[in-house]
Amino acid sequence: MARGLLIAAFNFKNAHADEFHDWYDLEHVPEREAVPGFGACERWIGVDDPFVSVATYDLESVDVLRGADYKAIAGENLSVWSKRVTAMCDRVLRFEGAQTLPGEAEAPAGAGGLLLNAMNVTPEGEADFNAWYDEEHIPALAGVPGCLAARRYLSDPRIEGTHKYVAIYHLATPEVTRSDAWAKAVDTPWSARVRPHFRDRLRVLTGRYARG
């Protein structure tokens, strides 16, 4: 069974920043780390907007989110603190999906940055889009110096998510995306051909969150 990923991204500009981070660090992440099937639970902060928070949770499979242990702390069973803090935030993205590339790769250690790309694709361009991602785009970006991992995900069809496709890139630093090697990898004739078929694209460049 394919490995899974849960992403929760918020804009917390209308919340109290200290409380937002306390809630995540002291309750929300520890709850999820204790659920069987959860792997790396990582937090990231937007480079361009420091009020954007991204949390990524590696899963043994997306079915972990259907289990009793997770349901006991999620949905209607969220804590009072969780409900209060999230009510003050704007949701940027919630994504649940299965890894399609590369194989069973897990989150690497030591990343200082994360690039998140989420999108939908026009039906007529979807086959070419998937071939481009699998055969050119992911391999090219994975080979850029400073890119520690490049992984693709397909949304779980059992939920009504906003984005069908997600790719995440663990980086030595966010500046990797500004390198000449990165620019060369993303600017290709095949990239130019598929780009007009992108819809609802969400691109968030982040640095690793560090508790102050």
N, C-alpha and C. Protein backbone atom coordinates (compact mmCIF):
# COMPACT_ATOMS: atom_id res chain seq x y z
N MET A 1 0.85 -1.20 0.00
CA MET A 1 0.00 0.00 0.00
C MET A 1 0.88 1.25 0.00
N ALA A 2 0.50 2.26 -0.77
CA ALA A 2 1.30 3.47 -0.90
C ALA A 2 1.35 4.26 0.40
N ARG A 3 2.48 4.92 0.62
CA ARG A 3 2.59 5.80 1.76
C ARG A 3 1.65 6.98 1.57
N GLY A 4 1.24 7.59 2.69
CA GLY A 4 0.30 8.70 2.63
C GLY A 4 0.88 10.00 3.14
N LEU A 5 0.12 11.06 2.95
CA LEU A 5 0.51 12.38 3.40
C LEU A 5 -0.73 13.16 3.82
N LEU A 6 -0.61 13.85 4.93
CA LEU A 6 -1.62 14.81 5.38
C LEU A 6 -0.94 16.17 5.43
N ILE A 7 -1.56 17.15 4.81
CA ILE A 7 -1.07 18.53 4.86
C ILE A 7 -2.17 19.41 5.44
N ALA A 8 -1.81 20.25 6.38
CA ALA A 8 -2.73 21.27 6.91
C ALA A 8 -2.01 22.60 6.85
N ALA A 9 -2.57 23.52 6.08
CA ALA A 9 -1.96 24.85 5.93
C ALA A 9 -2.98 25.92 6.32
N PHE A 10 -2.52 26.86 7.13
CA PHE A 10 -3.37 27.94 7.62
C PHE A 10 -2.68 29.28 7.43
N ASN A 11 -3.50 30.32 7.31
CA ASN A 11 -3.04 31.69 7.51
C ASN A 11 -3.55 32.09 8.89
N PHE A 12 -2.61 32.39 9.81
CA PHE A 12 -3.00 32.64 11.20
C PHE A 12 -2.86 34.11 11.58
N LYS A 13 -2.97 35.01 10.60
CA LYS A 13 -2.78 36.44 10.89
C LYS A 13 -3.85 36.98 11.84
N ASN A 14 -5.02 36.35 11.90
CA ASN A 14 -6.08 36.82 12.78
C ASN A 14 -6.09 36.10 14.13
N ALA A 15 -5.13 35.22 14.34
CA ALA A 15 -5.01 34.52 15.63
C ALA A 15 -3.90 35.18 16.43
N HIS A 16 -3.76 34.76 17.67
CA HIS A 16 -2.65 35.20 18.50
C HIS A 16 -1.47 34.28 18.20
N ALA A 17 -0.39 34.84 17.65
CA ALA A 17 0.71 34.01 17.16
C ALA A 17 1.28 33.12 18.25
N ASP A 18 1.49 33.66 19.44
CA ASP A 18 2.06 32.85 20.52
C ASP A 18 1.16 31.67 20.85
N GLU A 19 -0.14 31.92 20.91
CA GLU A 19 -1.06 30.83 21.23
C GLU A 19 -1.12 29.82 20.09
N PHE A 20 -1.10 30.31 18.85
CA PHE A 20 -1.14 29.41 17.70
C PHE A 20 0.03 28.42 17.76
N HIS A 21 1.22 28.93 18.02
CA HIS A 21 2.39 28.06 18.08
C HIS A 21 2.36 27.16 19.31
N ASP A 22 1.89 27.69 20.43
CA ASP A 22 1.77 26.84 21.62
C ASP A 22 0.81 25.69 21.37
N TRP A 23 -0.32 26.00 20.76
CA TRP A 23 -1.31 24.96 20.47
C TRP A 23 -0.71 23.88 19.57
N TYR A 24 -0.04 24.29 18.50
CA TYR A 24 0.56 23.31 17.60
C TYR A 24 1.63 22.49 18.31
N ASP A 25 2.53 23.17 19.03
CA ASP A 25 3.70 22.50 19.61
C ASP A 25 3.36 21.65 20.83
N LEU A 26 2.42 22.12 21.63
CA LEU A 26 2.17 21.49 22.92
C LEU A 26 1.01 20.49 22.90
N GLU A 27 0.10 20.66 21.93
CA GLU A 27 -1.04 19.74 21.88
C GLU A 27 -1.19 19.05 20.53
N HIS A 28 -1.33 19.84 19.47
CA HIS A 28 -1.78 19.29 18.19
C HIS A 28 -0.79 18.28 17.60
N VAL A 29 0.47 18.69 17.47
CA VAL A 29 1.46 17.77 16.91
C VAL A 29 1.70 16.56 17.83
N PRO A 30 1.89 16.76 19.15
CA PRO A 30 2.08 15.58 20.01
C PRO A 30 0.92 14.58 19.94
N GLU A 31 -0.32 15.07 19.82
CA GLU A 31 -1.45 14.15 19.68
C GLU A 31 -1.26 13.25 18.46
N ARG A 32 -0.85 13.85 17.35
CA ARG A 32 -0.72 13.10 16.11
C ARG A 32 0.52 12.21 16.09
N GLU A 33 1.57 12.65 16.73
CA GLU A 33 2.76 11.80 16.82
C GLU A 33 2.47 10.51 17.59
N ALA A 34 1.47 10.55 18.46
CA ALA A 34 1.13 9.37 19.26
C ALA A 34 0.21 8.40 18.52
N VAL A 35 -0.30 8.78 17.36
CA VAL A 35 -1.22 7.91 16.61
C VAL A 35 -0.40 6.90 15.80
N PRO A 36 -0.66 5.59 15.96
CA PRO A 36 0.05 4.59 15.17
C PRO A 36 -0.12 4.85 13.67
N GLY A 37 0.97 4.80 12.94
CA GLY A 37 0.92 5.03 11.51
C GLY A 37 1.39 6.40 11.09
N PHE A 38 1.50 7.33 12.05
CA PHE A 38 2.06 8.64 11.73
C PHE A 38 3.59 8.55 11.77
N GLY A 39 4.23 9.17 10.80
CA GLY A 39 5.69 9.25 10.77
C GLY A 39 6.14 10.66 11.10
N ALA A 40 6.96 11.23 10.23
CA ALA A 40 7.47 12.58 10.46
C ALA A 40 6.33 13.58 10.50
N CYS A 41 6.29 14.37 11.57
CA CYS A 41 5.31 15.45 11.71
C CYS A 41 6.10 16.75 11.74
N GLU A 42 6.04 17.51 10.64
CA GLU A 42 6.92 18.66 10.48
C GLU A 42 6.12 19.95 10.28
N ARG A 43 6.67 21.04 10.80
CA ARG A 43 6.03 22.34 10.67
C ARG A 43 6.92 23.28 9.87
N TRP A 44 6.26 24.14 9.08
CA TRP A 44 6.95 25.06 8.17
C TRP A 44 6.25 26.41 8.19
N ILE A 45 7.01 27.48 7.97
CA ILE A 45 6.48 28.83 7.96
C ILE A 45 6.80 29.49 6.62
N GLY A 46 5.84 30.20 6.05
CA GLY A 46 5.99 30.81 4.75
C GLY A 46 7.16 31.78 4.67
N VAL A 47 7.89 31.71 3.57
CA VAL A 47 9.00 32.63 3.34
C VAL A 47 8.48 34.01 2.97
N ASP A 48 7.51 34.06 2.09
CA ASP A 48 6.97 35.34 1.63
C ASP A 48 5.93 35.91 2.58
N ASP A 49 5.25 35.04 3.31
CA ASP A 49 4.23 35.48 4.27
C ASP A 49 4.43 34.69 5.56
N PRO A 50 4.99 35.30 6.60
CA PRO A 50 5.28 34.57 7.83
C PRO A 50 4.05 34.18 8.63
N PHE A 51 2.86 34.59 8.16
CA PHE A 51 1.63 34.16 8.82
C PHE A 51 1.03 32.91 8.17
N VAL A 52 1.73 32.36 7.19
CA VAL A 52 1.29 31.10 6.58
C VAL A 52 2.03 29.95 7.25
N SER A 53 1.27 29.03 7.78
CA SER A 53 1.81 27.85 8.46
C SER A 53 1.43 26.61 7.68
N VAL A 54 2.41 25.74 7.45
CA VAL A 54 2.18 24.47 6.77
C VAL A 54 2.66 23.35 7.70
N ALA A 55 1.81 22.37 7.93
CA ALA A 55 2.20 21.17 8.67
C ALA A 55 2.08 19.97 7.74
N THR A 56 3.13 19.16 7.71
CA THR A 56 3.14 17.95 6.88
C THR A 56 3.29 16.73 7.78
N TYR A 57 2.46 15.73 7.52
CA TYR A 57 2.46 14.51 8.33
C TYR A 57 2.63 13.31 7.41
N ASP A 58 3.77 12.63 7.51
CA ASP A 58 3.97 11.40 6.76
C ASP A 58 3.14 10.29 7.40
N LEU A 59 2.53 9.45 6.57
CA LEU A 59 1.66 8.38 7.05
C LEU A 59 2.08 7.06 6.43
N GLU A 60 1.91 5.98 7.19
CA GLU A 60 2.13 4.65 6.61
C GLU A 60 1.24 4.45 5.39
N SER A 61 0.02 4.92 5.47
CA SER A 61 -0.90 4.98 4.34
C SER A 61 -1.98 5.99 4.70
N VAL A 62 -2.70 6.45 3.71
CA VAL A 62 -3.76 7.42 3.97
C VAL A 62 -4.87 6.81 4.83
N ASP A 63 -4.93 5.48 4.89
CA ASP A 63 -5.95 4.82 5.69
C ASP A 63 -5.76 5.04 7.19
N VAL A 64 -4.57 5.50 7.59
CA VAL A 64 -4.36 5.87 8.99
C VAL A 64 -5.40 6.90 9.43
N LEU A 65 -5.80 7.76 8.50
CA LEU A 65 -6.76 8.82 8.82
C LEU A 65 -8.19 8.29 8.93
N ARG A 66 -8.40 7.03 8.61
CA ARG A 66 -9.72 6.39 8.75
C ARG A 66 -9.79 5.53 10.01
N GLY A 67 -8.67 5.43 10.73
CA GLY A 67 -8.62 4.56 11.89
C GLY A 67 -9.19 5.19 13.14
N ALA A 68 -9.51 4.36 14.11
CA ALA A 68 -10.13 4.82 15.35
C ALA A 68 -9.21 5.73 16.15
N ASP A 69 -7.91 5.45 16.13
CA ASP A 69 -6.98 6.27 16.91
C ASP A 69 -6.95 7.71 16.42
N TYR A 70 -6.97 7.89 15.09
CA TYR A 70 -6.96 9.25 14.57
C TYR A 70 -8.33 9.91 14.76
N LYS A 71 -9.38 9.17 14.49
CA LYS A 71 -10.72 9.74 14.63
C LYS A 71 -10.99 10.22 16.06
N ALA A 72 -10.31 9.63 17.03
CA ALA A 72 -10.52 10.01 18.43
C ALA A 72 -10.01 11.42 18.73
N ILE A 73 -9.14 11.96 17.85
CA ILE A 73 -8.58 13.30 18.10
C ILE A 73 -8.89 14.27 16.97
N ALA A 74 -9.67 13.85 15.99
CA ALA A 74 -9.92 14.67 14.80
C ALA A 74 -11.41 14.90 14.59
N GLY A 75 -11.75 15.74 13.62
CA GLY A 75 -13.14 15.98 13.28
C GLY A 75 -13.93 16.51 14.46
N GLU A 76 -15.04 15.87 14.75
CA GLU A 76 -15.87 16.30 15.87
C GLU A 76 -15.19 16.10 17.21
N ASN A 77 -14.13 15.31 17.23
CA ASN A 77 -13.42 15.04 18.48
C ASN A 77 -12.20 15.94 18.68
N LEU A 78 -12.06 16.96 17.86
CA LEU A 78 -11.00 17.94 18.10
C LEU A 78 -11.16 18.54 19.49
N SER A 79 -10.05 18.87 20.09
CA SER A 79 -10.10 19.46 21.42
C SER A 79 -10.74 20.85 21.38
N VAL A 80 -11.15 21.32 22.53
CA VAL A 80 -11.69 22.68 22.63
C VAL A 80 -10.66 23.70 22.17
N TRP A 81 -9.41 23.47 22.55
CA TRP A 81 -8.35 24.38 22.15
C TRP A 81 -8.19 24.38 20.63
N SER A 82 -8.22 23.21 20.01
CA SER A 82 -8.10 23.11 18.56
C SER A 82 -9.23 23.87 17.86
N LYS A 83 -10.45 23.68 18.33
CA LYS A 83 -11.58 24.35 17.70
C LYS A 83 -11.49 25.86 17.85
N ARG A 84 -11.01 26.33 19.02
CA ARG A 84 -10.92 27.76 19.25
C ARG A 84 -9.86 28.41 18.37
N VAL A 85 -8.68 27.78 18.30
CA VAL A 85 -7.58 28.37 17.53
C VAL A 85 -7.87 28.32 16.04
N THR A 86 -8.33 27.18 15.54
CA THR A 86 -8.57 27.08 14.09
C THR A 86 -9.71 27.98 13.63
N ALA A 87 -10.64 28.29 14.54
CA ALA A 87 -11.73 29.21 14.17
C ALA A 87 -11.21 30.61 13.88
N MET A 88 -10.04 30.95 14.39
CA MET A 88 -9.45 32.26 14.15
C MET A 88 -8.55 32.28 12.91
N CYS A 89 -8.35 31.13 12.27
CA CYS A 89 -7.43 31.01 11.14
C CYS A 89 -8.19 30.80 9.84
N ASP A 90 -7.56 31.17 8.75
CA ASP A 90 -8.09 30.89 7.42
C ASP A 90 -7.37 29.67 6.86
N ARG A 91 -8.15 28.69 6.43
CA ARG A 91 -7.54 27.48 5.89
C ARG A 91 -7.01 27.76 4.49
N VAL A 92 -5.76 27.45 4.26
CA VAL A 92 -5.14 27.57 2.95
C VAL A 92 -5.27 26.27 2.17
N LEU A 93 -5.04 25.16 2.86
CA LEU A 93 -5.13 23.85 2.21
C LEU A 93 -5.25 22.76 3.26
N ARG A 94 -6.09 21.80 2.98
CA ARG A 94 -6.05 20.51 3.67
C ARG A 94 -6.00 19.46 2.59
N PHE A 95 -5.02 18.59 2.66
CA PHE A 95 -4.82 17.58 1.63
C PHE A 95 -4.55 16.24 2.29
N GLU A 96 -5.23 15.21 1.79
CA GLU A 96 -4.99 13.83 2.19
C GLU A 96 -4.76 13.04 0.91
N GLY A 97 -3.61 12.37 0.82
CA GLY A 97 -3.36 11.65 -0.42
C GLY A 97 -2.32 10.57 -0.29
N ALA A 98 -2.15 9.82 -1.37
CA ALA A 98 -1.23 8.69 -1.44
C ALA A 98 -0.06 9.05 -2.33
N GLN A 99 1.12 8.60 -1.93
CA GLN A 99 2.33 8.88 -2.69
C GLN A 99 2.34 8.07 -3.98
N THR A 100 2.60 8.77 -5.07
CA THR A 100 2.69 8.10 -6.38
C THR A 100 4.12 8.01 -6.87
N LEU A 101 5.00 8.88 -6.36
CA LEU A 101 6.39 8.91 -6.80
C LEU A 101 7.21 9.59 -5.71
N PRO A 102 8.37 9.09 -5.34
CA PRO A 102 9.02 7.87 -5.86
C PRO A 102 8.89 6.72 -4.87
N GLY A 103 8.13 5.75 -5.19
CA GLY A 103 8.02 4.55 -4.37
C GLY A 103 7.60 4.82 -2.94
N GLU A 104 8.38 4.30 -2.00
CA GLU A 104 8.05 4.39 -0.59
C GLU A 104 8.91 5.43 0.14
N ALA A 105 9.42 6.43 -0.56
CA ALA A 105 10.32 7.41 0.04
C ALA A 105 9.66 8.14 1.21
N GLU A 106 10.43 8.34 2.27
CA GLU A 106 9.96 9.06 3.46
C GLU A 106 10.62 10.44 3.52
N ALA A 107 10.13 11.27 4.42
CA ALA A 107 10.70 12.61 4.59
C ALA A 107 12.16 12.50 5.01
N PRO A 108 13.06 13.24 4.37
CA PRO A 108 14.47 13.17 4.73
C PRO A 108 14.76 14.00 5.97
N ALA A 109 15.85 13.69 6.64
CA ALA A 109 16.28 14.47 7.79
C ALA A 109 17.05 15.70 7.34
N GLY A 110 16.98 16.75 8.14
CA GLY A 110 17.86 17.89 7.94
C GLY A 110 17.39 18.95 6.98
N ALA A 111 16.17 18.88 6.50
CA ALA A 111 15.70 19.90 5.56
C ALA A 111 15.46 21.22 6.27
N GLY A 112 15.90 22.29 5.64
CA GLY A 112 15.64 23.62 6.18
C GLY A 112 14.51 24.34 5.48
N GLY A 113 14.01 23.75 4.39
CA GLY A 113 12.92 24.36 3.65
C GLY A 113 12.04 23.32 3.01
N LEU A 114 10.85 23.76 2.62
CA LEU A 114 9.89 22.89 1.94
C LEU A 114 9.13 23.72 0.91
N LEU A 115 9.05 23.20 -0.30
CA LEU A 115 8.22 23.80 -1.33
C LEU A 115 7.00 22.92 -1.54
N LEU A 116 5.83 23.54 -1.47
CA LEU A 116 4.56 22.86 -1.67
C LEU A 116 3.94 23.36 -2.97
N ASN A 117 3.59 22.43 -3.85
CA ASN A 117 2.85 22.75 -5.07
C ASN A 117 1.60 21.90 -5.11
N ALA A 118 0.44 22.55 -5.17
CA ALA A 118 -0.83 21.84 -5.28
C ALA A 118 -1.58 22.39 -6.48
N MET A 119 -2.28 21.52 -7.21
CA MET A 119 -2.99 22.01 -8.39
C MET A 119 -4.00 20.98 -8.89
N ASN A 120 -4.87 21.47 -9.74
CA ASN A 120 -5.72 20.63 -10.56
C ASN A 120 -5.28 20.80 -12.01
N VAL A 121 -5.80 19.94 -12.88
CA VAL A 121 -5.37 19.93 -14.28
C VAL A 121 -6.60 19.73 -15.16
N THR A 122 -6.60 20.37 -16.32
CA THR A 122 -7.71 20.17 -17.25
C THR A 122 -7.74 18.72 -17.70
N PRO A 123 -8.93 18.16 -17.95
CA PRO A 123 -9.01 16.75 -18.37
C PRO A 123 -8.22 16.45 -19.63
N GLU A 124 -8.23 17.38 -20.57
CA GLU A 124 -7.55 17.11 -21.84
C GLU A 124 -6.02 17.13 -21.71
N GLY A 125 -5.52 17.76 -20.64
CA GLY A 125 -4.08 17.83 -20.45
C GLY A 125 -3.54 16.89 -19.40
N GLU A 126 -4.41 16.09 -18.79
CA GLU A 126 -4.01 15.33 -17.61
C GLU A 126 -2.99 14.23 -17.91
N ALA A 127 -3.17 13.50 -18.99
CA ALA A 127 -2.25 12.41 -19.30
C ALA A 127 -0.84 12.96 -19.56
N ASP A 128 -0.76 14.04 -20.32
CA ASP A 128 0.54 14.64 -20.60
C ASP A 128 1.15 15.22 -19.33
N PHE A 129 0.32 15.82 -18.49
CA PHE A 129 0.77 16.38 -17.21
C PHE A 129 1.42 15.30 -16.34
N ASN A 130 0.77 14.16 -16.21
CA ASN A 130 1.30 13.10 -15.37
C ASN A 130 2.58 12.51 -15.95
N ALA A 131 2.64 12.37 -17.25
CA ALA A 131 3.87 11.88 -17.87
C ALA A 131 5.01 12.86 -17.65
N TRP A 132 4.73 14.14 -17.81
CA TRP A 132 5.75 15.18 -17.59
C TRP A 132 6.26 15.16 -16.16
N TYR A 133 5.34 15.08 -15.21
CA TYR A 133 5.74 15.08 -13.80
C TYR A 133 6.61 13.86 -13.48
N ASP A 134 6.18 12.70 -13.93
CA ASP A 134 6.87 11.46 -13.58
C ASP A 134 8.19 11.28 -14.33
N GLU A 135 8.20 11.64 -15.60
CA GLU A 135 9.35 11.33 -16.44
C GLU A 135 10.38 12.46 -16.51
N GLU A 136 9.93 13.70 -16.31
CA GLU A 136 10.87 14.82 -16.42
C GLU A 136 10.96 15.66 -15.15
N HIS A 137 9.82 16.14 -14.67
CA HIS A 137 9.84 17.21 -13.68
C HIS A 137 10.39 16.75 -12.33
N ILE A 138 9.83 15.68 -11.77
CA ILE A 138 10.33 15.19 -10.48
C ILE A 138 11.78 14.74 -10.57
N PRO A 139 12.16 13.94 -11.58
CA PRO A 139 13.57 13.55 -11.66
C PRO A 139 14.52 14.74 -11.80
N ALA A 140 14.11 15.76 -12.57
CA ALA A 140 14.98 16.92 -12.76
C ALA A 140 15.16 17.70 -11.47
N LEU A 141 14.06 17.94 -10.74
CA LEU A 141 14.17 18.71 -9.50
C LEU A 141 14.86 17.90 -8.42
N ALA A 142 14.66 16.60 -8.38
CA ALA A 142 15.34 15.76 -7.40
C ALA A 142 16.86 15.81 -7.59
N GLY A 143 17.31 16.10 -8.81
CA GLY A 143 18.73 16.16 -9.09
C GLY A 143 19.37 17.51 -8.85
N VAL A 144 18.58 18.52 -8.48
CA VAL A 144 19.13 19.85 -8.22
C VAL A 144 19.89 19.83 -6.91
N PRO A 145 21.11 20.35 -6.87
CA PRO A 145 21.84 20.40 -5.59
C PRO A 145 21.04 21.12 -4.52
N GLY A 146 20.92 20.50 -3.36
CA GLY A 146 20.14 21.08 -2.26
C GLY A 146 18.72 20.59 -2.18
N CYS A 147 18.25 19.88 -3.20
CA CYS A 147 16.92 19.24 -3.11
C CYS A 147 17.12 17.87 -2.49
N LEU A 148 16.61 17.69 -1.29
CA LEU A 148 16.83 16.46 -0.53
C LEU A 148 15.82 15.37 -0.86
N ALA A 149 14.64 15.76 -1.32
CA ALA A 149 13.61 14.78 -1.69
C ALA A 149 12.56 15.48 -2.52
N ALA A 150 12.02 14.77 -3.52
CA ALA A 150 10.94 15.28 -4.36
C ALA A 150 9.89 14.19 -4.45
N ARG A 151 8.68 14.48 -3.97
CA ARG A 151 7.65 13.44 -3.90
C ARG A 151 6.32 13.96 -4.45
N ARG A 152 5.58 13.08 -5.08
CA ARG A 152 4.26 13.40 -5.66
C ARG A 152 3.16 12.63 -4.94
N TYR A 153 1.96 13.25 -4.90
CA TYR A 153 0.81 12.65 -4.22
C TYR A 153 -0.45 12.88 -5.03
N LEU A 154 -1.35 11.91 -4.93
CA LEU A 154 -2.68 11.97 -5.54
C LEU A 154 -3.70 11.97 -4.42
N SER A 155 -4.66 12.90 -4.49
CA SER A 155 -5.64 13.03 -3.41
C SER A 155 -6.48 11.77 -3.26
N ASP A 156 -6.90 11.53 -2.04
CA ASP A 156 -7.75 10.39 -1.74
C ASP A 156 -9.14 10.64 -2.35
N PRO A 157 -9.59 9.79 -3.26
CA PRO A 157 -10.88 10.02 -3.91
C PRO A 157 -12.08 9.91 -2.98
N ARG A 158 -11.86 9.44 -1.75
CA ARG A 158 -12.98 9.30 -0.81
C ARG A 158 -13.34 10.61 -0.13
N ILE A 159 -12.51 11.64 -0.30
CA ILE A 159 -12.80 12.93 0.33
C ILE A 159 -12.98 13.99 -0.75
N GLU A 160 -13.65 15.05 -0.38
CA GLU A 160 -13.84 16.16 -1.30
C GLU A 160 -12.79 17.24 -1.01
N GLY A 161 -11.62 17.05 -1.57
CA GLY A 161 -10.55 18.02 -1.41
C GLY A 161 -10.60 19.08 -2.49
N THR A 162 -9.79 20.12 -2.31
CA THR A 162 -9.77 21.22 -3.28
C THR A 162 -8.76 20.99 -4.39
N HIS A 163 -7.75 20.13 -4.15
CA HIS A 163 -6.69 19.92 -5.12
C HIS A 163 -6.44 18.42 -5.30
N LYS A 164 -6.33 18.01 -6.56
CA LYS A 164 -6.13 16.59 -6.86
C LYS A 164 -4.66 16.19 -6.74
N TYR A 165 -3.75 17.08 -7.11
CA TYR A 165 -2.34 16.74 -7.16
C TYR A 165 -1.53 17.63 -6.22
N VAL A 166 -0.57 17.01 -5.54
CA VAL A 166 0.37 17.74 -4.68
C VAL A 166 1.76 17.19 -4.90
N ALA A 167 2.73 18.08 -4.92
CA ALA A 167 4.14 17.70 -4.89
C ALA A 167 4.81 18.49 -3.78
N ILE A 168 5.68 17.84 -3.02
CA ILE A 168 6.44 18.53 -1.99
C ILE A 168 7.92 18.23 -2.19
N TYR A 169 8.71 19.27 -1.92
CA TYR A 169 10.15 19.19 -2.12
C TYR A 169 10.84 19.61 -0.83
N HIS A 170 11.55 18.69 -0.19
CA HIS A 170 12.36 19.03 0.97
C HIS A 170 13.69 19.60 0.47
N LEU A 171 14.06 20.73 1.02
CA LEU A 171 15.21 21.49 0.54
C LEU A 171 16.21 21.74 1.66
N ALA A 172 17.48 21.84 1.30
CA ALA A 172 18.48 22.21 2.30
C ALA A 172 18.14 23.58 2.88
N THR A 173 17.77 24.52 2.02
CA THR A 173 17.28 25.84 2.40
C THR A 173 16.26 26.28 1.36
N PRO A 174 15.39 27.23 1.68
CA PRO A 174 14.44 27.71 0.67
C PRO A 174 15.13 28.32 -0.55
N GLU A 175 16.36 28.82 -0.38
CA GLU A 175 17.07 29.49 -1.47
C GLU A 175 17.41 28.55 -2.62
N VAL A 176 17.31 27.24 -2.39
CA VAL A 176 17.56 26.27 -3.46
C VAL A 176 16.67 26.56 -4.66
N THR A 177 15.44 27.02 -4.41
CA THR A 177 14.50 27.28 -5.50
C THR A 177 14.87 28.52 -6.31
N ARG A 178 15.85 29.26 -5.85
CA ARG A 178 16.29 30.46 -6.57
C ARG A 178 17.62 30.23 -7.29
N SER A 179 18.08 29.00 -7.31
CA SER A 179 19.35 28.69 -7.96
C SER A 179 19.18 28.55 -9.46
N ASP A 180 20.28 28.71 -10.18
CA ASP A 180 20.26 28.54 -11.63
C ASP A 180 19.88 27.12 -12.01
N ALA A 181 20.35 26.15 -11.21
CA ALA A 181 20.03 24.75 -11.50
C ALA A 181 18.54 24.49 -11.40
N TRP A 182 17.89 25.09 -10.40
CA TRP A 182 16.44 24.93 -10.25
C TRP A 182 15.71 25.56 -11.43
N ALA A 183 16.12 26.77 -11.79
CA ALA A 183 15.48 27.46 -12.91
C ALA A 183 15.60 26.65 -14.20
N LYS A 184 16.77 26.05 -14.42
CA LYS A 184 16.96 25.25 -15.62
C LYS A 184 16.08 24.01 -15.60
N ALA A 185 15.89 23.42 -14.42
CA ALA A 185 15.08 22.21 -14.32
C ALA A 185 13.60 22.48 -14.57
N VAL A 186 13.12 23.66 -14.19
CA VAL A 186 11.68 23.93 -14.33
C VAL A 186 11.33 24.58 -15.67
N ASP A 187 12.30 25.13 -16.36
CA ASP A 187 12.02 25.86 -17.60
C ASP A 187 12.44 25.01 -18.79
N THR A 188 11.52 24.15 -19.22
CA THR A 188 11.78 23.25 -20.35
C THR A 188 10.64 23.35 -21.35
N PRO A 189 10.85 22.90 -22.57
CA PRO A 189 9.75 22.91 -23.55
C PRO A 189 8.53 22.11 -23.08
N TRP A 190 8.78 20.97 -22.43
CA TRP A 190 7.65 20.15 -21.96
C TRP A 190 6.90 20.90 -20.85
N SER A 191 7.63 21.57 -19.96
CA SER A 191 6.99 22.36 -18.92
C SER A 191 6.09 23.43 -19.53
N ALA A 192 6.59 24.11 -20.55
CA ALA A 192 5.80 25.16 -21.20
C ALA A 192 4.54 24.59 -21.84
N ARG A 193 4.61 23.35 -22.32
CA ARG A 193 3.45 22.74 -22.97
C ARG A 193 2.35 22.39 -22.00
N VAL A 194 2.72 21.92 -20.79
CA VAL A 194 1.69 21.48 -19.84
C VAL A 194 1.18 22.62 -18.97
N ARG A 195 1.97 23.68 -18.82
CA ARG A 195 1.61 24.74 -17.88
C ARG A 195 0.23 25.36 -18.14
N PRO A 196 -0.19 25.57 -19.40
CA PRO A 196 -1.52 26.15 -19.62
C PRO A 196 -2.68 25.30 -19.12
N HIS A 197 -2.40 24.04 -18.79
CA HIS A 197 -3.45 23.15 -18.30
C HIS A 197 -3.57 23.16 -16.78
N PHE A 198 -2.70 23.89 -16.09
CA PHE A 198 -2.78 23.98 -14.63
C PHE A 198 -4.02 24.76 -14.24
N ARG A 199 -4.65 24.34 -13.16
CA ARG A 199 -5.77 25.07 -12.59
C ARG A 199 -5.62 25.10 -11.06
N ASP A 200 -6.08 26.20 -10.45
CA ASP A 200 -6.12 26.32 -8.97
C ASP A 200 -4.75 26.10 -8.35
N ARG A 201 -3.70 26.57 -9.01
CA ARG A 201 -2.36 26.27 -8.51
C ARG A 201 -2.08 27.02 -7.21
N LEU A 202 -1.52 26.29 -6.26
CA LEU A 202 -1.10 26.85 -4.98
C LEU A 202 0.36 26.51 -4.80
N ARG A 203 1.19 27.54 -4.70
CA ARG A 203 2.64 27.35 -4.51
C ARG A 203 3.04 28.07 -3.23
N VAL A 204 3.59 27.34 -2.28
CA VAL A 204 3.99 27.92 -1.01
C VAL A 204 5.43 27.49 -0.71
N LEU A 205 6.32 28.47 -0.61
CA LEU A 205 7.71 28.22 -0.25
C LEU A 205 7.87 28.53 1.23
N THR A 206 8.44 27.59 1.97
CA THR A 206 8.51 27.72 3.42
C THR A 206 9.90 27.40 3.95
N GLY A 207 10.15 27.87 5.16
CA GLY A 207 11.33 27.47 5.92
C GLY A 207 10.88 26.67 7.13
N ARG A 208 11.80 25.87 7.66
CA ARG A 208 11.44 25.04 8.81
C ARG A 208 11.10 25.91 10.00
N TYR A 209 10.01 25.58 10.66
CA TYR A 209 9.60 26.28 11.87
C TYR A 209 10.54 25.93 13.00
N ALA A 210 10.95 26.95 13.75
CA ALA A 210 11.77 26.76 14.94
C ALA A 210 11.11 27.50 16.09
N ARG A 211 10.83 26.79 17.16
CA ARG A 211 10.16 27.41 18.30
C ARG A 211 11.06 28.47 18.93
N GLY A 212 10.50 29.67 19.12
CA GLY A 212 11.26 30.78 19.66
C GLY A 212 11.45 30.67 21.17
